[in-house]
Amino acid sequence: MLKVARVREVWLTVSDRRYECVWAEAMGRGRGVRVAIAGFGASDCRCGSHLFGFDAEPSIVAFRRRLRGAERGHDAVVCRRV
């Protein structure tokens, strides 16, 4: 994947609970977001994908808002520039 894309930021949370599918759902509802590869990272769940592409740089603030709507109380996402 690094041959065709560059890591610019890493978004993470620290929790005993797995939020991968909650994040995928919230990310997929963003404006200008598209599934990059159908089924990627989702062989063990019902998500359409866990890999997305973006028309513009995604907003961590908007993502946190979508998370609050998807999972009450879960918006503790840290963003680190790479």
N, C-alpha and C. Protein backbone atom coordinates (compact mmCIF):
# COMPACT_ATOMS: atom_id res chain seq x y z
N MET A 1 0.81 -1.18 0.00
CA MET A 1 0.00 0.00 0.00
C MET A 1 0.87 1.26 0.00
N LEU A 2 2.01 1.22 0.65
CA LEU A 2 2.88 2.39 0.72
C LEU A 2 3.47 2.76 -0.64
N LYS A 3 3.35 1.87 -1.62
CA LYS A 3 3.83 2.18 -2.96
C LYS A 3 2.90 3.17 -3.67
N VAL A 4 1.64 3.23 -3.25
CA VAL A 4 0.67 4.09 -3.92
C VAL A 4 0.07 5.17 -3.01
N ALA A 5 0.40 5.12 -1.73
CA ALA A 5 -0.15 6.10 -0.79
C ALA A 5 0.91 6.48 0.24
N ARG A 6 0.73 7.65 0.80
CA ARG A 6 1.66 8.14 1.81
C ARG A 6 0.89 8.36 3.11
N VAL A 7 1.44 7.90 4.21
CA VAL A 7 0.82 8.11 5.52
C VAL A 7 1.09 9.55 5.93
N ARG A 8 0.01 10.29 6.21
CA ARG A 8 0.15 11.69 6.62
C ARG A 8 -0.22 11.89 8.08
N GLU A 9 -1.20 11.12 8.54
CA GLU A 9 -1.64 11.21 9.93
C GLU A 9 -2.01 9.82 10.41
N VAL A 10 -1.95 9.65 11.71
CA VAL A 10 -2.42 8.43 12.34
C VAL A 10 -3.45 8.84 13.37
N TRP A 11 -4.64 8.27 13.29
CA TRP A 11 -5.70 8.53 14.25
C TRP A 11 -5.83 7.29 15.11
N LEU A 12 -5.88 7.47 16.43
CA LEU A 12 -5.94 6.32 17.31
C LEU A 12 -6.73 6.62 18.57
N THR A 13 -7.12 5.56 19.23
CA THR A 13 -7.74 5.65 20.54
C THR A 13 -7.19 4.49 21.36
N VAL A 14 -7.20 4.65 22.66
CA VAL A 14 -6.74 3.60 23.56
C VAL A 14 -7.95 3.12 24.35
N SER A 15 -8.23 1.83 24.23
CA SER A 15 -9.41 1.28 24.88
C SER A 15 -9.29 -0.23 24.98
N ASP A 16 -9.98 -0.80 25.94
CA ASP A 16 -10.07 -2.25 26.03
C ASP A 16 -11.08 -2.79 25.02
N ARG A 17 -11.95 -1.92 24.55
CA ARG A 17 -12.98 -2.30 23.59
C ARG A 17 -12.47 -2.12 22.17
N ARG A 18 -12.92 -2.97 21.27
CA ARG A 18 -12.55 -2.86 19.86
C ARG A 18 -13.53 -1.93 19.15
N TYR A 19 -13.01 -0.88 18.56
CA TYR A 19 -13.84 0.12 17.89
C TYR A 19 -13.68 0.11 16.37
N GLU A 20 -13.04 -0.89 15.83
CA GLU A 20 -12.74 -0.90 14.40
C GLU A 20 -13.99 -0.72 13.54
N CYS A 21 -15.06 -1.44 13.84
CA CYS A 21 -16.27 -1.35 13.03
C CYS A 21 -17.02 -0.04 13.27
N VAL A 22 -16.99 0.46 14.49
CA VAL A 22 -17.60 1.76 14.78
C VAL A 22 -16.88 2.84 13.98
N TRP A 23 -15.56 2.77 13.94
CA TRP A 23 -14.78 3.74 13.17
C TRP A 23 -15.07 3.62 11.68
N ALA A 24 -15.16 2.39 11.17
CA ALA A 24 -15.43 2.20 9.75
C ALA A 24 -16.79 2.78 9.37
N GLU A 25 -17.78 2.56 10.21
CA GLU A 25 -19.11 3.11 9.94
C GLU A 25 -19.08 4.64 9.96
N ALA A 26 -18.44 5.21 10.97
CA ALA A 26 -18.37 6.66 11.09
C ALA A 26 -17.57 7.27 9.93
N MET A 27 -16.48 6.63 9.56
CA MET A 27 -15.66 7.14 8.46
C MET A 27 -16.44 7.08 7.14
N GLY A 28 -17.15 6.00 6.93
CA GLY A 28 -17.90 5.82 5.69
C GLY A 28 -19.01 6.83 5.49
N ARG A 29 -19.45 7.48 6.56
CA ARG A 29 -20.51 8.48 6.46
C ARG A 29 -19.98 9.88 6.17
N GLY A 30 -18.68 10.01 6.05
CA GLY A 30 -18.10 11.33 5.81
C GLY A 30 -18.33 11.83 4.40
N ARG A 31 -18.30 13.13 4.25
CA ARG A 31 -18.46 13.76 2.94
C ARG A 31 -17.17 13.56 2.13
N GLY A 32 -17.31 13.16 0.89
CA GLY A 32 -16.14 12.96 0.03
C GLY A 32 -15.35 11.71 0.34
N VAL A 33 -15.99 10.76 1.04
CA VAL A 33 -15.33 9.50 1.41
C VAL A 33 -15.84 8.39 0.50
N ARG A 34 -14.95 7.54 0.06
CA ARG A 34 -15.34 6.40 -0.78
C ARG A 34 -14.60 5.16 -0.29
N VAL A 35 -15.20 4.03 -0.51
CA VAL A 35 -14.55 2.75 -0.19
C VAL A 35 -13.40 2.57 -1.17
N ALA A 36 -12.20 2.36 -0.65
CA ALA A 36 -11.03 2.18 -1.51
C ALA A 36 -10.99 0.77 -2.08
N ILE A 37 -11.20 -0.22 -1.22
CA ILE A 37 -11.23 -1.62 -1.64
C ILE A 37 -12.35 -2.30 -0.86
N ALA A 38 -13.37 -2.76 -1.57
CA ALA A 38 -14.50 -3.41 -0.92
C ALA A 38 -14.03 -4.63 -0.13
N GLY A 39 -14.51 -4.74 1.10
CA GLY A 39 -14.19 -5.88 1.94
C GLY A 39 -12.84 -5.83 2.64
N PHE A 40 -12.02 -4.82 2.35
CA PHE A 40 -10.68 -4.74 2.93
C PHE A 40 -10.77 -4.66 4.45
N GLY A 41 -10.09 -5.57 5.14
CA GLY A 41 -10.04 -5.58 6.60
C GLY A 41 -11.34 -5.98 7.27
N ALA A 42 -12.31 -6.44 6.49
CA ALA A 42 -13.63 -6.72 7.03
C ALA A 42 -14.05 -8.18 6.85
N SER A 43 -13.10 -9.07 6.79
CA SER A 43 -13.44 -10.48 6.58
C SER A 43 -14.09 -11.11 7.81
N ASP A 44 -13.92 -10.47 8.97
CA ASP A 44 -14.48 -11.03 10.20
C ASP A 44 -15.67 -10.23 10.73
N CYS A 45 -16.26 -9.38 9.87
CA CYS A 45 -17.39 -8.57 10.30
C CYS A 45 -18.32 -8.31 9.11
N ARG A 46 -19.31 -7.48 9.31
CA ARG A 46 -20.27 -7.19 8.24
C ARG A 46 -20.05 -5.83 7.58
N CYS A 47 -18.95 -5.19 7.90
CA CYS A 47 -18.64 -3.89 7.30
C CYS A 47 -18.35 -4.05 5.81
N GLY A 48 -18.64 -3.00 5.05
CA GLY A 48 -18.34 -3.02 3.63
C GLY A 48 -16.85 -2.94 3.35
N SER A 49 -16.13 -2.26 4.22
CA SER A 49 -14.68 -2.10 4.10
C SER A 49 -14.15 -1.41 5.34
N HIS A 50 -12.86 -1.54 5.55
CA HIS A 50 -12.17 -0.78 6.59
C HIS A 50 -11.08 0.08 5.97
N LEU A 51 -11.15 0.27 4.66
CA LEU A 51 -10.17 1.10 3.96
C LEU A 51 -10.92 2.09 3.07
N PHE A 52 -10.61 3.37 3.25
CA PHE A 52 -11.34 4.42 2.57
C PHE A 52 -10.39 5.36 1.84
N GLY A 53 -10.92 5.99 0.81
CA GLY A 53 -10.21 7.05 0.11
C GLY A 53 -10.97 8.35 0.32
N PHE A 54 -10.30 9.46 0.11
CA PHE A 54 -10.88 10.77 0.41
C PHE A 54 -10.67 11.73 -0.75
N ASP A 55 -11.69 12.53 -1.04
CA ASP A 55 -11.56 13.57 -2.06
C ASP A 55 -10.68 14.71 -1.56
N ALA A 56 -10.69 14.93 -0.25
CA ALA A 56 -9.88 15.97 0.39
C ALA A 56 -9.41 15.42 1.74
N GLU A 57 -8.47 16.10 2.35
CA GLU A 57 -7.96 15.64 3.64
C GLU A 57 -9.10 15.56 4.65
N PRO A 58 -9.28 14.41 5.30
CA PRO A 58 -10.38 14.26 6.26
C PRO A 58 -10.17 15.12 7.51
N SER A 59 -11.27 15.50 8.11
CA SER A 59 -11.24 16.34 9.31
C SER A 59 -11.41 15.48 10.56
N ILE A 60 -10.44 15.56 11.46
CA ILE A 60 -10.53 14.83 12.72
C ILE A 60 -11.71 15.35 13.55
N VAL A 61 -12.00 16.63 13.46
CA VAL A 61 -13.11 17.22 14.21
C VAL A 61 -14.44 16.64 13.72
N ALA A 62 -14.62 16.59 12.41
CA ALA A 62 -15.85 16.02 11.84
C ALA A 62 -15.96 14.53 12.18
N PHE A 63 -14.84 13.82 12.14
CA PHE A 63 -14.84 12.40 12.47
C PHE A 63 -15.26 12.18 13.92
N ARG A 64 -14.75 13.00 14.82
CA ARG A 64 -15.13 12.88 16.24
C ARG A 64 -16.63 13.11 16.41
N ARG A 65 -17.19 14.05 15.67
CA ARG A 65 -18.64 14.30 15.74
C ARG A 65 -19.41 13.07 15.28
N ARG A 66 -18.97 12.46 14.18
CA ARG A 66 -19.66 11.26 13.69
C ARG A 66 -19.52 10.12 14.69
N LEU A 67 -18.38 10.01 15.34
CA LEU A 67 -18.20 8.96 16.35
C LEU A 67 -19.16 9.15 17.51
N ARG A 68 -19.31 10.38 17.97
CA ARG A 68 -20.24 10.65 19.07
C ARG A 68 -21.64 10.19 18.70
N GLY A 69 -22.02 10.38 17.44
CA GLY A 69 -23.34 9.94 16.99
C GLY A 69 -23.45 8.43 16.88
N ALA A 70 -22.35 7.77 16.55
CA ALA A 70 -22.37 6.31 16.36
C ALA A 70 -22.22 5.55 17.66
N GLU A 71 -21.43 6.06 18.57
CA GLU A 71 -21.12 5.35 19.81
C GLU A 71 -21.06 6.37 20.94
N ARG A 72 -22.10 6.44 21.70
CA ARG A 72 -22.20 7.44 22.76
C ARG A 72 -20.96 7.45 23.65
N GLY A 73 -20.38 8.61 23.80
CA GLY A 73 -19.24 8.78 24.67
C GLY A 73 -17.90 8.42 24.06
N HIS A 74 -17.90 7.94 22.82
CA HIS A 74 -16.61 7.56 22.20
C HIS A 74 -16.21 8.61 21.17
N ASP A 75 -15.39 9.53 21.60
CA ASP A 75 -14.83 10.50 20.67
C ASP A 75 -13.40 10.84 21.06
N ALA A 76 -12.80 9.99 21.89
CA ALA A 76 -11.43 10.21 22.36
C ALA A 76 -10.44 9.71 21.32
N VAL A 77 -10.33 10.46 20.24
CA VAL A 77 -9.45 10.09 19.14
C VAL A 77 -8.29 11.06 19.11
N VAL A 78 -7.09 10.52 19.05
CA VAL A 78 -5.88 11.32 19.00
C VAL A 78 -5.37 11.33 17.57
N CYS A 79 -4.91 12.47 17.12
CA CYS A 79 -4.38 12.61 15.77
C CYS A 79 -2.90 12.94 15.87
N ARG A 80 -2.08 12.18 15.17
CA ARG A 80 -0.64 12.44 15.14
C ARG A 80 -0.19 12.59 13.69
N ARG A 81 0.43 13.70 13.38
CA ARG A 81 1.01 13.89 12.04
C ARG A 81 2.26 13.04 11.91
N VAL A 82 2.45 12.48 10.74
CA VAL A 82 3.61 11.62 10.49
C VAL A 82 4.63 12.37 9.68
